[in-house]
Structures are given as structure tokens and as C-alpha cells.
Amino acid sequence: MGGPEGAPTVLLMHGGGQTRHSWAGAMRALVTAGYRVVNLDARGHGDSEWSPTQAYSIHDRIKDIHAVVDTVDAPVTLVGASMGGLTSIHAVGEGLSPAAVVLVDIVPDMEPKGVERIVSFMNAHHGGFASLEEAADAVAAYYPERPRPKDPSGLMKNLRRRDDGRLYWHWDPVMFGVEDPSQFHEPLQRSTRKFGERPDVPVLVVRGKLSDIVSDESVAAFRAKVPHAETVDVSDAGHMVAGDKNDAFNAAVLAFLNQHMPLAGEADSAR
């Protein structure tokens, strides 16, 4: 958490398999601009504890949004990447009224091959890794668009060393079997239609132009259901938009916030 208390607030929600560290550059830019920022590890990810009751459903994640939003006495914008973005759509569909929503490389009608690639990666390597280099090789194979780091030590933010001495991804592997994907589509579409009936909640889709998750067709399908949605394409970025092209991502989000959730001085000057 950072930024001045009482200022318009941005809730950052990372994607599945990520941590709050994926927003490091965005958080710095938002705090520097004057926003209050809440940057969470999603349940079962990062430093958040794993649920002994496997409470990882979409409804559990919506409760986590309310745990933040309901205690903030200021306008709040939800910024969600992938899993965090889908959670935001559901939350608005169920009646949440944030000041605005930013969906980071995610829309309901995702490209099946891209989704399959992510799910395959998340469900692999349950046996862990013998070394950081081995983990770095796995990431490089999954995301070849991003250069493999010469020093893989930064990956330790995403790994846990267990008693057997091996390194394991930080997320709880059981969470990806909690919800049946075949039963997920219609509730998401229903929430999207309700979102489309909420022109009072501005929405921006920031798409990585190289993404295999969000295509021109999937953006068009979303805008057909949510006509007030705005879109920005970030060149040379894939699904991990904020990490691939952080400056361009920050510029797009700050411009959107300046229009729909301005800071006090910006709101006064706009009058």
C-alpha cells in the first residue's frame, strides 16, 4: 500500500500465477502521480496464505475486493490483469460500483489456444525445480517474447523453497481445480451483460498487441456487450502487458484515470 491517505484509490489485482510484484512499476507511477494504491497478493498467491478449505472460487475473490473497497472512503478504480480482470467483471456484474475499471489483457471471450497454454503452464512442474536456472528455463519456454534474465534471482519472488530443498511456484496448485471451466462461461457472460448496463462505470481494456489471449475479435465481442468500453493496444507487448511495456501501460492507465477518477487538483483544473 502506498500514496496519500484519502486520495482516489487504485486497487491492483494481478493475474493467476503472478504476485503483487508484477505491479511494481505501475504502483510507483500511480503513487508518484498522487493516487492511493492497494496492491495485494491474491488468495493462494505470493505471501498470502493457502486456504485450508480451498476457498478459491470467483465468489471468494469478489469478497476480497469488497474487503478493500468497503473500507475506503474515496473513489476506487479496479485494475485487474487476467484473473484479476475477470474478478472485476463479476464484481461489477453483481452490483459493485467502482469509479472505473481497467482490464489488462483480458475480456470474457478469450482465445482458446492462449488459455490452454496458460493452464498447461500453471498445471506443470508440480514436482518443483532443482535450481533457479531450471525455473528460469521453464519461464523462458512459456514466454519466449521476454528475454531470459542473465541473473534469475528475481524469480525467488515467485518461488518457495520447501523442506525437500526444491523450489516450487508460490501459488497453491489446488486452486485451479476448484471451479469447473465448463460451468464458468455462462456466469461470466451474464456478468458481462450486466456490466454493459452500467455506463456509469467506465472501463478500459489495455491489450498487448502480441497477446494470444485477447484478439481483435474478442475485443469486438466485448464492446458489443459493453458499448462504453474504451480500448488501448500496447505495441510489442504480450499477455503480461505491464511487465513487457511498463511505461506505455502506465501512460494509458494514468490518462484514463485523469479522465474518469482525477485527483483533486486535476479535477479543479478541468472545470
C-alpha atoms as a PDB file:
ATOM      1  CA  MET A   1       0.000   0.000   0.000  1.00  0.00           C
ATOM      2  CA  GLY A   2       1.230   3.487  -0.794  1.00  0.00           C
ATOM      3  CA  GLY A   3       0.228   7.033  -1.634  1.00  0.00           C
ATOM      4  CA  PRO A   4      -1.596   9.678   0.397  1.00  0.00           C
ATOM      5  CA  GLU A   5      -4.463   8.594   2.641  1.00  0.00           C
ATOM      6  CA  GLY A   6      -7.836   9.818   1.459  1.00  0.00           C
ATOM      7  CA  ALA A   7      -6.761  10.176  -2.174  1.00  0.00           C
ATOM      8  CA  PRO A   8      -8.631   8.430  -5.001  1.00  0.00           C
ATOM      9  CA  THR A   9      -7.588   4.804  -4.725  1.00  0.00           C
ATOM     10  CA  VAL A  10      -6.431   2.189  -7.227  1.00  0.00           C
ATOM     11  CA  LEU A  11      -6.787  -1.493  -6.324  1.00  0.00           C
ATOM     12  CA  LEU A  12      -4.262  -3.570  -8.293  1.00  0.00           C
ATOM     13  CA  MET A  13      -5.149  -7.233  -8.857  1.00  0.00           C
ATOM     14  CA  HIS A  14      -2.626  -9.464 -10.583  1.00  0.00           C
ATOM     15  CA  GLY A  15      -3.282 -12.449 -12.805  1.00  0.00           C
ATOM     16  CA  GLY A  16      -3.234 -16.137 -11.961  1.00  0.00           C
ATOM     17  CA  GLY A  17       0.279 -17.316 -11.170  1.00  0.00           C
ATOM     18  CA  GLN A  18       1.554 -13.781 -10.583  1.00  0.00           C
ATOM     19  CA  THR A  19       2.154 -11.785  -7.402  1.00  0.00           C
ATOM     20  CA  ARG A  20       1.831  -8.150  -6.336  1.00  0.00           C
ATOM     21  CA  HIS A  21       5.408  -7.686  -7.562  1.00  0.00           C
ATOM     22  CA  SER A  22       4.133  -7.743 -11.162  1.00  0.00           C
ATOM     23  CA  TRP A  23       2.745  -4.249 -10.481  1.00  0.00           C
ATOM     24  CA  ALA A  24       5.965  -2.757  -9.073  1.00  0.00           C
ATOM     25  CA  GLY A  25       6.466  -0.222 -11.873  1.00  0.00           C
ATOM     26  CA  ALA A  26       2.772   0.637 -12.136  1.00  0.00           C
ATOM     27  CA  MET A  27       2.499   1.158  -8.390  1.00  0.00           C
ATOM     28  CA  ARG A  28       5.447   3.557  -8.382  1.00  0.00           C
ATOM     29  CA  ALA A  29       3.924   5.568 -11.230  1.00  0.00           C
ATOM     30  CA  LEU A  30       0.492   5.748  -9.597  1.00  0.00           C
ATOM     31  CA  VAL A  31       1.861   6.755  -6.189  1.00  0.00           C
ATOM     32  CA  THR A  32       4.111   9.359  -7.796  1.00  0.00           C
ATOM     33  CA  ALA A  33       1.076  10.788  -9.589  1.00  0.00           C
ATOM     34  CA  GLY A  34      -0.707  11.159  -6.238  1.00  0.00           C
ATOM     35  CA  TYR A  35      -3.043   8.164  -6.074  1.00  0.00           C
ATOM     36  CA  ARG A  36      -3.521   5.884  -3.109  1.00  0.00           C
ATOM     37  CA  VAL A  37      -2.624   2.342  -4.217  1.00  0.00           C
ATOM     38  CA  VAL A  38      -3.569  -1.010  -2.697  1.00  0.00           C
ATOM     39  CA  ASN A  39      -1.510  -3.828  -4.196  1.00  0.00           C
ATOM     40  CA  LEU A  40      -2.493  -7.290  -2.984  1.00  0.00           C
ATOM     41  CA  ASP A  41      -1.264 -10.834  -3.340  1.00  0.00           C
ATOM     42  CA  ALA A  42      -4.396 -12.715  -4.355  1.00  0.00           C
ATOM     43  CA  ARG A  43      -5.535 -15.504  -2.074  1.00  0.00           C
ATOM     44  CA  GLY A  44      -3.361 -18.565  -2.575  1.00  0.00           C
ATOM     45  CA  HIS A  45      -0.640 -16.495  -4.288  1.00  0.00           C
ATOM     46  CA  GLY A  46       2.596 -14.872  -3.202  1.00  0.00           C
ATOM     47  CA  ASP A  47       2.726 -14.165   0.521  1.00  0.00           C
ATOM     48  CA  SER A  48      -0.989 -14.811   1.028  1.00  0.00           C
ATOM     49  CA  GLU A  49      -1.755 -17.960   2.973  1.00  0.00           C
ATOM     50  CA  TRP A  50      -3.141 -21.021   1.229  1.00  0.00           C
ATOM     51  CA  SER A  51      -6.763 -21.763   2.087  1.00  0.00           C
ATOM     52  CA  PRO A  52      -7.212 -24.978   4.102  1.00  0.00           C
ATOM     53  CA  THR A  53     -10.795 -25.179   2.788  1.00  0.00           C
ATOM     54  CA  GLN A  54      -9.831 -24.495  -0.854  1.00  0.00           C
ATOM     55  CA  ALA A  55     -11.770 -21.196  -0.829  1.00  0.00           C
ATOM     56  CA  TYR A  56     -10.603 -20.048  -4.262  1.00  0.00           C
ATOM     57  CA  SER A  57     -13.851 -19.519  -6.155  1.00  0.00           C
ATOM     58  CA  ILE A  58     -14.788 -16.344  -8.010  1.00  0.00           C
ATOM     59  CA  HIS A  59     -17.128 -15.501  -5.134  1.00  0.00           C
ATOM     60  CA  ASP A  60     -14.232 -15.718  -2.674  1.00  0.00           C
ATOM     61  CA  ARG A  61     -12.193 -13.334  -4.819  1.00  0.00           C
ATOM     62  CA  ILE A  62     -15.130 -10.898  -5.018  1.00  0.00           C
ATOM     63  CA  LYS A  63     -15.262 -10.934  -1.206  1.00  0.00           C
ATOM     64  CA  ASP A  64     -11.607  -9.899  -1.236  1.00  0.00           C
ATOM     65  CA  ILE A  65     -12.432  -6.903  -3.436  1.00  0.00           C
ATOM     66  CA  HIS A  66     -15.167  -5.855  -1.021  1.00  0.00           C
ATOM     67  CA  ALA A  67     -12.770  -6.280   1.909  1.00  0.00           C
ATOM     68  CA  VAL A  68     -10.782  -3.411   0.394  1.00  0.00           C
ATOM     69  CA  VAL A  69     -13.386  -1.270  -1.365  1.00  0.00           C
ATOM     70  CA  ASP A  70     -15.888  -1.271   1.503  1.00  0.00           C
ATOM     71  CA  THR A  71     -13.301   0.240   3.850  1.00  0.00           C
ATOM     72  CA  VAL A  72     -12.121   3.034   1.534  1.00  0.00           C
ATOM     73  CA  ASP A  73     -13.763   6.443   1.910  1.00  0.00           C
ATOM     74  CA  ALA A  74     -12.726   7.610  -1.573  1.00  0.00           C
ATOM     75  CA  PRO A  75     -13.393   6.701  -5.203  1.00  0.00           C
ATOM     76  CA  VAL A  76     -11.800   3.374  -6.187  1.00  0.00           C
ATOM     77  CA  THR A  77     -10.707   2.103  -9.589  1.00  0.00           C
ATOM     78  CA  LEU A  78     -10.152  -1.623 -10.093  1.00  0.00           C
ATOM     79  CA  VAL A  79      -7.142  -2.544 -12.227  1.00  0.00           C
ATOM     80  CA  GLY A  80      -7.150  -6.267 -12.938  1.00  0.00           C
ATOM     81  CA  ALA A  81      -4.878  -8.391 -15.086  1.00  0.00           C
ATOM     82  CA  SER A  82      -6.249 -11.678 -16.411  1.00  0.00           C
ATOM     83  CA  MET A  83      -7.731 -13.392 -13.317  1.00  0.00           C
ATOM     84  CA  GLY A  84      -7.962 -10.030 -11.554  1.00  0.00           C
ATOM     85  CA  GLY A  85      -9.798  -8.555 -14.521  1.00  0.00           C
ATOM     86  CA  LEU A  86     -12.311 -11.387 -14.707  1.00  0.00           C
ATOM     87  CA  THR A  87     -12.951 -10.958 -10.993  1.00  0.00           C
ATOM     88  CA  SER A  88     -13.597  -7.251 -11.605  1.00  0.00           C
ATOM     89  CA  ILE A  89     -16.163  -8.034 -14.328  1.00  0.00           C
ATOM     90  CA  HIS A  90     -18.003 -10.401 -11.996  1.00  0.00           C
ATOM     91  CA  ALA A  91     -17.893  -7.901  -9.124  1.00  0.00           C
ATOM     92  CA  VAL A  92     -19.461  -5.131 -11.231  1.00  0.00           C
ATOM     93  CA  GLY A  93     -21.984  -7.606 -12.620  1.00  0.00           C
ATOM     94  CA  GLU A  94     -23.004  -8.396  -9.047  1.00  0.00           C
ATOM     95  CA  GLY A  95     -23.551  -4.755  -8.187  1.00  0.00           C
ATOM     96  CA  LEU A  96     -20.205  -3.256  -7.171  1.00  0.00           C
ATOM     97  CA  SER A  97     -19.915   0.391  -8.272  1.00  0.00           C
ATOM     98  CA  PRO A  98     -16.266   1.377  -8.591  1.00  0.00           C
ATOM     99  CA  ALA A  99     -15.264   4.713 -10.093  1.00  0.00           C
ATOM    100  CA  ALA A 100     -13.807   2.832 -13.087  1.00  0.00           C
ATOM    101  CA  VAL A 101     -12.345  -0.497 -14.193  1.00  0.00           C
ATOM    102  CA  VAL A 102      -9.166  -1.274 -16.154  1.00  0.00           C
ATOM    103  CA  LEU A 103      -8.985  -4.761 -17.702  1.00  0.00           C
ATOM    104  CA  VAL A 104      -5.412  -5.718 -18.518  1.00  0.00           C
ATOM    105  CA  ASP A 105      -5.269  -8.085 -21.486  1.00  0.00           C
ATOM    106  CA  ILE A 106      -8.472  -9.859 -20.584  1.00  0.00           C
ATOM    107  CA  VAL A 107     -12.032  -9.988 -21.905  1.00  0.00           C
ATOM    108  CA  PRO A 108     -14.655 -12.718 -21.440  1.00  0.00           C
ATOM    109  CA  ASP A 109     -14.308 -14.220 -24.936  1.00  0.00           C
ATOM    110  CA  MET A 110     -10.705 -15.342 -24.656  1.00  0.00           C
ATOM    111  CA  GLU A 111      -8.770 -17.140 -27.376  1.00  0.00           C
ATOM    112  CA  PRO A 112      -8.897 -20.886 -26.519  1.00  0.00           C
ATOM    113  CA  LYS A 113      -5.311 -21.677 -27.565  1.00  0.00           C
ATOM    114  CA  GLY A 114      -3.919 -18.910 -25.393  1.00  0.00           C
ATOM    115  CA  VAL A 115      -5.981 -20.042 -22.419  1.00  0.00           C
ATOM    116  CA  GLU A 116      -4.850 -23.627 -22.946  1.00  0.00           C
ATOM    117  CA  ARG A 117      -1.211 -22.530 -22.945  1.00  0.00           C
ATOM    118  CA  ILE A 118      -1.617 -20.701 -19.619  1.00  0.00           C
ATOM    119  CA  VAL A 119      -3.495 -23.559 -17.979  1.00  0.00           C
ATOM    120  CA  SER A 120      -0.861 -26.050 -19.148  1.00  0.00           C
ATOM    121  CA  PHE A 121       1.912 -23.953 -17.625  1.00  0.00           C
ATOM    122  CA  MET A 122       0.044 -23.487 -14.338  1.00  0.00           C
ATOM    123  CA  ASN A 123      -0.579 -27.221 -14.045  1.00  0.00           C
ATOM    124  CA  ALA A 124       3.001 -28.220 -14.884  1.00  0.00           C
ATOM    125  CA  HIS A 125       6.062 -28.561 -12.644  1.00  0.00           C
ATOM    126  CA  HIS A 126       4.172 -29.765  -9.585  1.00  0.00           C
ATOM    127  CA  GLY A 127       7.385 -31.552  -8.663  1.00  0.00           C
ATOM    128  CA  GLY A 128       9.208 -28.263  -8.347  1.00  0.00           C
ATOM    129  CA  PHE A 129      12.661 -27.280  -9.591  1.00  0.00           C
ATOM    130  CA  ALA A 130      16.137 -28.278  -8.507  1.00  0.00           C
ATOM    131  CA  SER A 131      17.507 -24.766  -9.127  1.00  0.00           C
ATOM    132  CA  LEU A 132      16.641 -21.201 -10.092  1.00  0.00           C
ATOM    133  CA  GLU A 133      18.134 -21.829 -13.517  1.00  0.00           C
ATOM    134  CA  GLU A 134      15.718 -24.690 -14.105  1.00  0.00           C
ATOM    135  CA  ALA A 135      12.782 -22.463 -13.142  1.00  0.00           C
ATOM    136  CA  ALA A 136      14.068 -19.701 -15.427  1.00  0.00           C
ATOM    137  CA  ASP A 137      14.225 -22.182 -18.307  1.00  0.00           C
ATOM    138  CA  ALA A 138      10.556 -23.073 -17.718  1.00  0.00           C
ATOM    139  CA  VAL A 139       9.528 -19.410 -17.793  1.00  0.00           C
ATOM    140  CA  ALA A 140      11.580 -18.740 -20.919  1.00  0.00           C
ATOM    141  CA  ALA A 141       9.929 -21.673 -22.696  1.00  0.00           C
ATOM    142  CA  TYR A 142       6.479 -20.402 -21.711  1.00  0.00           C
ATOM    143  CA  TYR A 143       7.121 -16.741 -22.519  1.00  0.00           C
ATOM    144  CA  PRO A 144       9.773 -16.568 -25.264  1.00  0.00           C
ATOM    145  CA  GLU A 145       8.779 -12.956 -26.104  1.00  0.00           C
ATOM    146  CA  ARG A 146      10.576 -11.781 -22.966  1.00  0.00           C
ATOM    147  CA  PRO A 147      14.388 -12.145 -22.848  1.00  0.00           C
ATOM    148  CA  ARG A 148      15.627 -14.705 -20.336  1.00  0.00           C
ATOM    149  CA  PRO A 149      17.320 -12.795 -17.474  1.00  0.00           C
ATOM    150  CA  LYS A 150      21.044 -13.335 -17.071  1.00  0.00           C
ATOM    151  CA  ASP A 151      20.500 -13.294 -13.306  1.00  0.00           C
ATOM    152  CA  PRO A 152      17.397 -15.342 -12.416  1.00  0.00           C
ATOM    153  CA  SER A 153      17.470 -14.376  -8.714  1.00  0.00           C
ATOM    154  CA  GLY A 154      14.409 -12.143  -9.178  1.00  0.00           C
ATOM    155  CA  LEU A 155      12.356 -15.314  -9.686  1.00  0.00           C
ATOM    156  CA  MET A 156      12.637 -16.015  -5.957  1.00  0.00           C
ATOM    157  CA  LYS A 157       9.709 -13.602  -5.514  1.00  0.00           C
ATOM    158  CA  ASN A 158       7.637 -16.245  -7.302  1.00  0.00           C
ATOM    159  CA  LEU A 159       9.023 -19.376  -5.676  1.00  0.00           C
ATOM    160  CA  ARG A 160       9.002 -21.098  -2.300  1.00  0.00           C
ATOM    161  CA  ARG A 161      11.690 -23.469  -1.061  1.00  0.00           C
ATOM    162  CA  ARG A 162      10.136 -26.399   0.737  1.00  0.00           C
ATOM    163  CA  ASP A 163      11.609 -28.824   3.238  1.00  0.00           C
ATOM    164  CA  ASP A 164      12.803 -31.125   0.462  1.00  0.00           C
ATOM    165  CA  GLY A 165      15.102 -28.336  -0.753  1.00  0.00           C
ATOM    166  CA  ARG A 166      13.338 -27.938  -4.102  1.00  0.00           C
ATOM    167  CA  LEU A 167      11.767 -24.733  -5.390  1.00  0.00           C
ATOM    168  CA  TYR A 168       8.035 -24.584  -6.065  1.00  0.00           C
ATOM    169  CA  TRP A 169       5.837 -21.883  -7.575  1.00  0.00           C
ATOM    170  CA  HIS A 170       4.267 -19.688  -4.914  1.00  0.00           C
ATOM    171  CA  TRP A 171       0.639 -20.472  -5.824  1.00  0.00           C
ATOM    172  CA  ASP A 172      -1.488 -23.171  -4.275  1.00  0.00           C
ATOM    173  CA  PRO A 173      -1.818 -25.798  -7.036  1.00  0.00           C
ATOM    174  CA  VAL A 174      -5.258 -26.943  -5.874  1.00  0.00           C
ATOM    175  CA  MET A 175      -6.896 -23.611  -6.737  1.00  0.00           C
ATOM    176  CA  PHE A 176      -7.039 -24.352 -10.450  1.00  0.00           C
ATOM    177  CA  GLY A 177      -9.276 -27.343  -9.900  1.00  0.00           C
ATOM    178  CA  VAL A 178     -11.794 -25.592  -7.648  1.00  0.00           C
ATOM    179  CA  GLU A 179     -14.082 -24.365 -10.441  1.00  0.00           C
ATOM    180  CA  ASP A 180     -15.203 -26.420 -13.417  1.00  0.00           C
ATOM    181  CA  PRO A 181     -14.285 -24.380 -16.538  1.00  0.00           C
ATOM    182  CA  SER A 182     -17.363 -25.692 -18.358  1.00  0.00           C
ATOM    183  CA  GLN A 183     -19.552 -24.018 -15.710  1.00  0.00           C
ATOM    184  CA  PHE A 184     -17.622 -20.748 -15.779  1.00  0.00           C
ATOM    185  CA  HIS A 185     -18.590 -19.404 -19.206  1.00  0.00           C
ATOM    186  CA  GLU A 186     -22.265 -18.566 -18.718  1.00  0.00           C
ATOM    187  CA  PRO A 187     -21.876 -16.774 -15.343  1.00  0.00           C
ATOM    188  CA  LEU A 188     -19.100 -14.680 -16.894  1.00  0.00           C
ATOM    189  CA  GLN A 189     -21.251 -13.803 -19.901  1.00  0.00           C
ATOM    190  CA  ARG A 190     -24.135 -12.926 -17.602  1.00  0.00           C
ATOM    191  CA  SER A 191     -21.902 -10.622 -15.555  1.00  0.00           C
ATOM    192  CA  THR A 192     -20.620  -9.056 -18.771  1.00  0.00           C
ATOM    193  CA  ARG A 193     -24.136  -8.279 -19.948  1.00  0.00           C
ATOM    194  CA  LYS A 194     -24.882  -6.653 -16.594  1.00  0.00           C
ATOM    195  CA  PHE A 195     -21.621  -4.705 -16.901  1.00  0.00           C
ATOM    196  CA  GLY A 196     -22.853  -3.452 -20.267  1.00  0.00           C
ATOM    197  CA  GLU A 197     -25.882  -1.987 -18.493  1.00  0.00           C
ATOM    198  CA  ARG A 198     -23.600   0.091 -16.285  1.00  0.00           C
ATOM    199  CA  PRO A 199     -22.378   3.045 -18.396  1.00  0.00           C
ATOM    200  CA  ASP A 200     -21.760   4.808 -15.082  1.00  0.00           C
ATOM    201  CA  VAL A 201     -18.746   2.511 -14.616  1.00  0.00           C
ATOM    202  CA  PRO A 202     -16.126   3.493 -17.241  1.00  0.00           C
ATOM    203  CA  VAL A 203     -13.974   0.618 -18.464  1.00  0.00           C
ATOM    204  CA  LEU A 204     -10.676   0.484 -20.312  1.00  0.00           C
ATOM    205  CA  VAL A 205      -9.229  -2.636 -21.947  1.00  0.00           C
ATOM    206  CA  VAL A 206      -5.432  -2.432 -22.239  1.00  0.00           C
ATOM    207  CA  ARG A 207      -4.400  -5.148 -24.676  1.00  0.00           C
ATOM    208  CA  GLY A 208      -0.948  -6.407 -25.504  1.00  0.00           C
ATOM    209  CA  LYS A 209      -0.820  -6.322 -29.278  1.00  0.00           C
ATOM    210  CA  LEU A 210       1.098  -9.629 -29.292  1.00  0.00           C
ATOM    211  CA  SER A 211      -1.310 -11.308 -26.881  1.00  0.00           C
ATOM    212  CA  ASP A 212      -2.573 -14.798 -27.640  1.00  0.00           C
ATOM    213  CA  ILE A 213      -5.412 -14.307 -25.138  1.00  0.00           C
ATOM    214  CA  VAL A 214      -7.142 -11.176 -26.471  1.00  0.00           C
ATOM    215  CA  SER A 215      -7.683 -10.773 -30.218  1.00  0.00           C
ATOM    216  CA  ASP A 216      -9.405  -8.161 -32.384  1.00  0.00           C
ATOM    217  CA  GLU A 217     -12.423 -10.445 -32.484  1.00  0.00           C
ATOM    218  CA  SER A 218     -12.589 -10.910 -28.720  1.00  0.00           C
ATOM    219  CA  VAL A 219     -12.314  -7.151 -28.159  1.00  0.00           C
ATOM    220  CA  ALA A 220     -15.126  -6.579 -30.670  1.00  0.00           C
ATOM    221  CA  ALA A 221     -17.278  -9.166 -28.888  1.00  0.00           C
ATOM    222  CA  PHE A 222     -16.701  -7.402 -25.570  1.00  0.00           C
ATOM    223  CA  ARG A 223     -17.527  -3.972 -26.969  1.00  0.00           C
ATOM    224  CA  ALA A 224     -20.718  -5.368 -28.482  1.00  0.00           C
ATOM    225  CA  LYS A 225     -21.829  -6.248 -24.938  1.00  0.00           C
ATOM    226  CA  VAL A 226     -20.196  -3.262 -23.200  1.00  0.00           C
ATOM    227  CA  PRO A 227     -20.540  -0.414 -25.743  1.00  0.00           C
ATOM    228  CA  HIS A 228     -18.983   2.200 -23.467  1.00  0.00           C
ATOM    229  CA  ALA A 229     -15.703   0.267 -23.198  1.00  0.00           C
ATOM    230  CA  GLU A 230     -12.542   2.050 -24.300  1.00  0.00           C
ATOM    231  CA  THR A 231      -9.519   0.179 -25.664  1.00  0.00           C
ATOM    232  CA  VAL A 232      -5.786   0.768 -25.935  1.00  0.00           C
ATOM    233  CA  ASP A 233      -3.333  -1.504 -27.743  1.00  0.00           C
ATOM    234  CA  VAL A 234       0.241  -1.655 -26.443  1.00  0.00           C
ATOM    235  CA  SER A 235       2.689  -2.488 -29.222  1.00  0.00           C
ATOM    236  CA  ASP A 236       5.371  -5.135 -28.663  1.00  0.00           C
ATOM    237  CA  ALA A 237       3.600  -6.416 -25.530  1.00  0.00           C
ATOM    238  CA  GLY A 238       2.109  -9.830 -24.915  1.00  0.00           C
ATOM    239  CA  HIS A 239      -0.250 -11.025 -22.209  1.00  0.00           C
ATOM    240  CA  MET A 240       1.996  -9.610 -19.459  1.00  0.00           C
ATOM    241  CA  VAL A 241       1.431  -6.048 -20.652  1.00  0.00           C
ATOM    242  CA  ALA A 242       2.598  -4.171 -17.554  1.00  0.00           C
ATOM    243  CA  GLY A 243       5.824  -6.172 -17.409  1.00  0.00           C
ATOM    244  CA  ASP A 244       6.514  -6.065 -21.142  1.00  0.00           C
ATOM    245  CA  LYS A 245       5.981  -2.335 -21.743  1.00  0.00           C
ATOM    246  CA  ASN A 246       5.567  -0.683 -18.376  1.00  0.00           C
ATOM    247  CA  ASP A 247       5.943   2.936 -19.490  1.00  0.00           C
ATOM    248  CA  ALA A 248       3.295   2.602 -22.216  1.00  0.00           C
ATOM    249  CA  PHE A 249       0.991   0.746 -19.847  1.00  0.00           C
ATOM    250  CA  ASN A 250       1.362   3.383 -17.133  1.00  0.00           C
ATOM    251  CA  ALA A 251       0.704   6.198 -19.603  1.00  0.00           C
ATOM    252  CA  ALA A 252      -2.526   4.571 -20.797  1.00  0.00           C
ATOM    253  CA  VAL A 253      -3.814   3.954 -17.271  1.00  0.00           C
ATOM    254  CA  LEU A 254      -2.906   7.418 -15.984  1.00  0.00           C
ATOM    255  CA  ALA A 255      -4.607   9.094 -18.953  1.00  0.00           C
ATOM    256  CA  PHE A 256      -7.767   7.046 -18.284  1.00  0.00           C
ATOM    257  CA  LEU A 257      -7.701   7.843 -14.570  1.00  0.00           C
ATOM    258  CA  ASN A 258      -7.173  11.536 -15.272  1.00  0.00           C
ATOM    259  CA  GLN A 259     -10.423  11.473 -17.233  1.00  0.00           C
ATOM    260  CA  HIS A 260     -12.558   9.243 -15.010  1.00  0.00           C
ATOM    261  CA  MET A 261     -11.037   9.439 -11.497  1.00  0.00           C
ATOM    262  CA  PRO A 262      -8.942  12.611 -11.419  1.00  0.00           C
ATOM    263  CA  LEU A 263      -7.014  13.829  -8.414  1.00  0.00           C
ATOM    264  CA  ALA A 264      -8.322  16.938  -6.642  1.00  0.00           C
ATOM    265  CA  GLY A 265      -6.069  19.403  -8.469  1.00  0.00           C
ATOM    266  CA  GLU A 266      -6.728  17.794 -11.839  1.00  0.00           C
ATOM    267  CA  ALA A 267     -10.487  17.840 -11.247  1.00  0.00           C
ATOM    268  CA  ASP A 268     -10.371  21.547 -10.333  1.00  0.00           C
ATOM    269  CA  SER A 269      -8.288  22.476 -13.375  1.00  0.00           C
ATOM    270  CA  ALA A 270     -10.688  20.601 -15.652  1.00  0.00           C
ATOM    271  CA  ARG A 271     -13.573  22.828 -14.600  1.00  0.00           C
END
